[in-house]
């Protein structure tokens, strides 16, 4: 179970964060994808009846590197301690690889994304979401993206009769960021990142 994995890895994550903050990157950093099912299992159970096919979950992802979790929402790029989002512990943890990218270079990259394609307000639930962000960050850090089934989920749902029927409703929804996020959440320009 993911929560056990996080508890067992807490010391590892904290060590990586200390190494990154102190500029020690001689051995590189482990990069992981935290995967959360926003439906809490309902998508897997109800999708056959609603969509005519089964989907495993409604995925939200964050990239864990340098001891922190990085993710994208309507408020832009944020970071928190691993597993520290309002979603709690992830449902799955995927090993993405090992990165030799120095922490400072990564921060410059993240700040650039936060001022460009992933700035506050740029979020689109179907076309420009947390999973696209995780894919881009994974490409930068490890040279490959996140699993394709995660990126293809919006198209998979939209290619069903119900998906087409609810598309106008989906497009009208705005995901809001909780302004009362715990103090371990940070946005670009607000250290520590």
Protein backbone atom coordinates (compact mmCIF):
# COMPACT_ATOMS: atom_id res chain seq x y z
CA UNK A 1 0.00 0.00 0.00
CA UNK A 2 1.23 3.50 -0.84
CA UNK A 3 0.94 4.92 2.69
CA UNK A 4 3.27 2.22 4.00
CA UNK A 5 5.69 3.02 1.20
CA UNK A 6 5.70 6.71 2.06
CA UNK A 7 6.20 6.02 5.75
CA UNK A 8 9.07 3.68 4.97
CA UNK A 9 10.62 6.18 2.55
CA UNK A 10 10.16 9.32 4.68
CA UNK A 11 13.80 9.28 5.81
CA UNK A 12 14.97 8.81 2.20
CA UNK A 13 12.85 11.77 1.02
CA UNK A 14 14.09 13.99 3.84
CA UNK A 15 17.70 13.06 3.07
CA UNK A 16 17.21 13.95 -0.61
CA UNK A 17 15.65 17.28 0.33
CA UNK A 18 18.60 18.10 2.63
CA UNK A 19 21.08 17.09 -0.09
CA UNK A 20 19.28 19.26 -2.64
CA UNK A 21 19.12 22.28 -0.32
CA UNK A 22 22.83 21.93 0.46
CA UNK A 23 23.83 21.60 -3.19
CA UNK A 24 24.99 17.98 -2.86
CA UNK A 25 24.01 16.23 -6.09
CA UNK A 26 26.99 14.01 -6.85
CA UNK A 27 24.97 10.78 -6.85
CA UNK A 28 21.81 12.16 -8.43
CA UNK A 29 18.23 11.89 -7.25
CA UNK A 30 15.47 9.30 -7.42
CA UNK A 31 12.39 10.52 -9.32
CA UNK A 32 8.95 9.06 -8.64
CA UNK A 33 5.43 9.62 -9.87
CA UNK A 34 2.76 9.80 -7.19
CA UNK A 35 -0.58 8.71 -8.68
CA UNK A 36 -3.88 9.53 -6.99
CA UNK A 37 -7.32 8.27 -8.02
CA UNK A 38 -9.60 11.28 -7.62
CA UNK A 39 -12.64 8.99 -7.82
CA UNK A 40 -11.43 6.89 -4.86
CA UNK A 41 -12.24 3.69 -6.77
CA UNK A 42 -15.63 4.75 -8.12
CA UNK A 43 -14.36 5.14 -11.70
CA UNK A 44 -13.33 1.50 -11.84
CA UNK A 45 -16.65 0.36 -10.39
CA UNK A 46 -19.04 2.66 -12.25
CA UNK A 47 -17.32 3.29 -15.58
CA UNK A 48 -18.60 0.12 -17.31
CA UNK A 49 -22.22 1.21 -16.72
CA UNK A 50 -21.62 4.90 -17.46
CA UNK A 51 -19.04 4.77 -20.24
CA UNK A 52 -19.54 1.31 -21.67
CA UNK A 53 -15.95 0.43 -20.78
CA UNK A 54 -13.88 0.22 -17.65
CA UNK A 55 -11.36 2.85 -16.67
CA UNK A 56 -9.11 2.22 -13.70
CA UNK A 57 -9.31 5.68 -12.13
CA UNK A 58 -9.44 9.44 -12.60
CA UNK A 59 -5.76 10.25 -12.24
CA UNK A 60 -4.01 13.16 -10.58
CA UNK A 61 -0.21 12.97 -10.55
CA UNK A 62 2.71 14.73 -8.93
CA UNK A 63 6.44 14.25 -9.48
CA UNK A 64 8.57 13.57 -6.41
CA UNK A 65 12.17 14.71 -6.77
CA UNK A 66 14.70 16.35 -4.46
CA UNK A 67 12.59 15.20 -1.51
CA UNK A 68 9.46 17.18 -2.52
CA UNK A 69 6.31 16.62 -4.56
CA UNK A 70 5.69 18.98 -7.50
CA UNK A 71 2.27 19.28 -9.15
CA UNK A 72 0.12 21.60 -11.25
CA UNK A 73 -3.40 22.92 -10.70
CA UNK A 74 -5.45 26.00 -11.51
CA UNK A 75 -3.25 28.05 -9.16
CA UNK A 76 -0.11 27.10 -11.09
CA UNK A 77 2.81 24.95 -10.00
CA UNK A 78 3.02 24.01 -6.35
CA UNK A 79 5.22 21.85 -4.19
CA UNK A 80 4.81 20.19 -0.83
CA UNK A 81 6.39 17.43 1.18
CA UNK A 82 5.82 14.09 -0.53
CA UNK A 83 2.25 12.90 0.02
CA UNK A 84 1.38 16.28 1.55
CA UNK A 85 -1.36 17.31 -0.87
CA UNK A 86 -4.98 17.52 0.22
CA UNK A 87 -5.35 14.09 -1.42
CA UNK A 88 -3.23 12.43 1.27
CA UNK A 89 -1.12 9.41 0.39
CA UNK A 90 -0.98 8.33 -3.27
CA UNK A 91 -2.75 5.23 -4.52
CA UNK A 92 0.32 4.20 -6.52
CA UNK A 93 3.98 5.16 -6.65
CA UNK A 94 5.72 4.66 -10.01
CA UNK A 95 9.51 4.72 -10.22
CA UNK A 96 10.37 7.12 -13.06
CA UNK A 97 14.13 6.85 -12.82
CA UNK A 98 17.22 8.61 -11.58
CA UNK A 99 18.16 12.20 -12.43
CA UNK A 100 21.54 13.88 -12.54
CA UNK A 101 19.95 17.32 -13.02
CA UNK A 102 21.29 19.65 -10.29
CA UNK A 103 18.63 21.03 -7.96
CA UNK A 104 19.35 24.67 -8.88
CA UNK A 105 18.90 23.91 -12.59
CA UNK A 106 15.66 22.11 -11.79
CA UNK A 107 14.42 25.16 -9.86
CA UNK A 108 15.22 27.42 -12.83
CA UNK A 109 13.31 25.02 -15.07
CA UNK A 110 10.29 24.94 -12.71
CA UNK A 111 10.28 28.74 -12.38
CA UNK A 112 10.34 28.99 -16.19
CA UNK A 113 7.39 26.61 -16.50
CA UNK A 114 5.57 28.56 -13.78
CA UNK A 115 5.94 31.78 -15.75
CA UNK A 116 5.07 30.15 -19.08
CA UNK A 117 2.90 27.18 -19.98
CA UNK A 118 2.08 26.27 -16.38
CA UNK A 119 1.29 29.68 -14.91
CA UNK A 120 -1.77 30.21 -12.70
CA UNK A 121 -4.94 30.08 -14.78
CA UNK A 122 -3.40 27.94 -17.56
CA UNK A 123 -4.96 24.72 -16.22
CA UNK A 124 -7.36 22.88 -18.53
CA UNK A 125 -8.95 19.74 -17.09
CA UNK A 126 -8.78 17.86 -20.40
CA UNK A 127 -5.84 19.27 -22.35
CA UNK A 128 -3.35 20.92 -19.99
CA UNK A 129 -3.51 19.37 -16.54
CA UNK A 130 -1.41 17.92 -13.74
CA UNK A 131 -0.62 14.83 -15.80
CA UNK A 132 0.75 16.89 -18.70
CA UNK A 133 2.90 18.78 -16.19
CA UNK A 134 4.17 15.54 -14.63
CA UNK A 135 4.98 14.20 -18.10
CA UNK A 136 6.98 17.30 -19.03
CA UNK A 137 8.89 17.35 -15.74
CA UNK A 138 9.63 13.63 -16.01
CA UNK A 139 10.95 14.15 -19.56
CA UNK A 140 13.26 16.89 -18.27
CA UNK A 141 14.55 14.92 -15.28
CA UNK A 142 14.66 11.36 -16.63
CA UNK A 143 14.41 11.54 -20.41
CA UNK A 144 11.01 9.81 -20.57
CA UNK A 145 7.46 10.64 -19.63
CA UNK A 146 4.74 9.22 -17.43
CA UNK A 147 2.80 6.08 -18.40
CA UNK A 148 0.72 6.72 -21.53
CA UNK A 149 -2.52 5.36 -20.03
CA UNK A 150 -2.49 8.31 -17.63
CA UNK A 151 -2.07 10.89 -20.40
CA UNK A 152 -4.65 9.23 -22.65
CA UNK A 153 -7.43 9.11 -20.04
CA UNK A 154 -9.23 12.33 -21.13
CA UNK A 155 -9.42 11.14 -24.75
CA UNK A 156 -10.53 7.69 -23.63
CA UNK A 157 -13.44 9.21 -21.69
CA UNK A 158 -14.31 11.76 -24.38
CA UNK A 159 -14.49 9.02 -27.01
CA UNK A 160 -17.60 7.61 -25.33
CA UNK A 161 -21.19 8.82 -25.83
CA UNK A 162 -21.38 10.03 -22.22
CA UNK A 163 -18.03 11.80 -22.57
CA UNK A 164 -19.33 13.78 -25.53
CA UNK A 165 -22.58 14.54 -23.71
CA UNK A 166 -20.86 15.99 -20.64
CA UNK A 167 -18.07 17.82 -22.50
CA UNK A 168 -19.84 21.22 -22.26
CA UNK A 169 -20.25 20.74 -18.51
CA UNK A 170 -16.62 19.68 -18.08
CA UNK A 171 -15.44 22.71 -20.03
CA UNK A 172 -17.45 25.01 -17.76
CA UNK A 173 -15.95 23.63 -14.54
CA UNK A 174 -13.17 25.49 -12.81
CA UNK A 175 -10.92 23.63 -10.41
CA UNK A 176 -10.14 25.92 -7.52
CA UNK A 177 -7.13 25.90 -5.27
CA UNK A 178 -7.77 25.84 -1.56
CA UNK A 179 -6.41 29.17 -0.31
CA UNK A 180 -6.06 27.59 3.11
CA UNK A 181 -3.49 25.03 1.99
CA UNK A 182 -1.11 23.79 4.66
CA UNK A 183 2.03 25.92 5.07
CA UNK A 184 4.18 23.23 3.43
CA UNK A 185 2.69 24.16 0.02
CA UNK A 186 4.72 26.60 -2.05
CA UNK A 187 4.23 28.32 -5.36
CA UNK A 188 7.00 29.68 -7.60
CA UNK A 189 8.53 32.72 -5.99
CA UNK A 190 7.84 31.41 -2.49
CA UNK A 191 10.81 29.47 -1.13
CA UNK A 192 11.57 26.78 -0.20
CA UNK A 193 10.76 25.00 -3.41
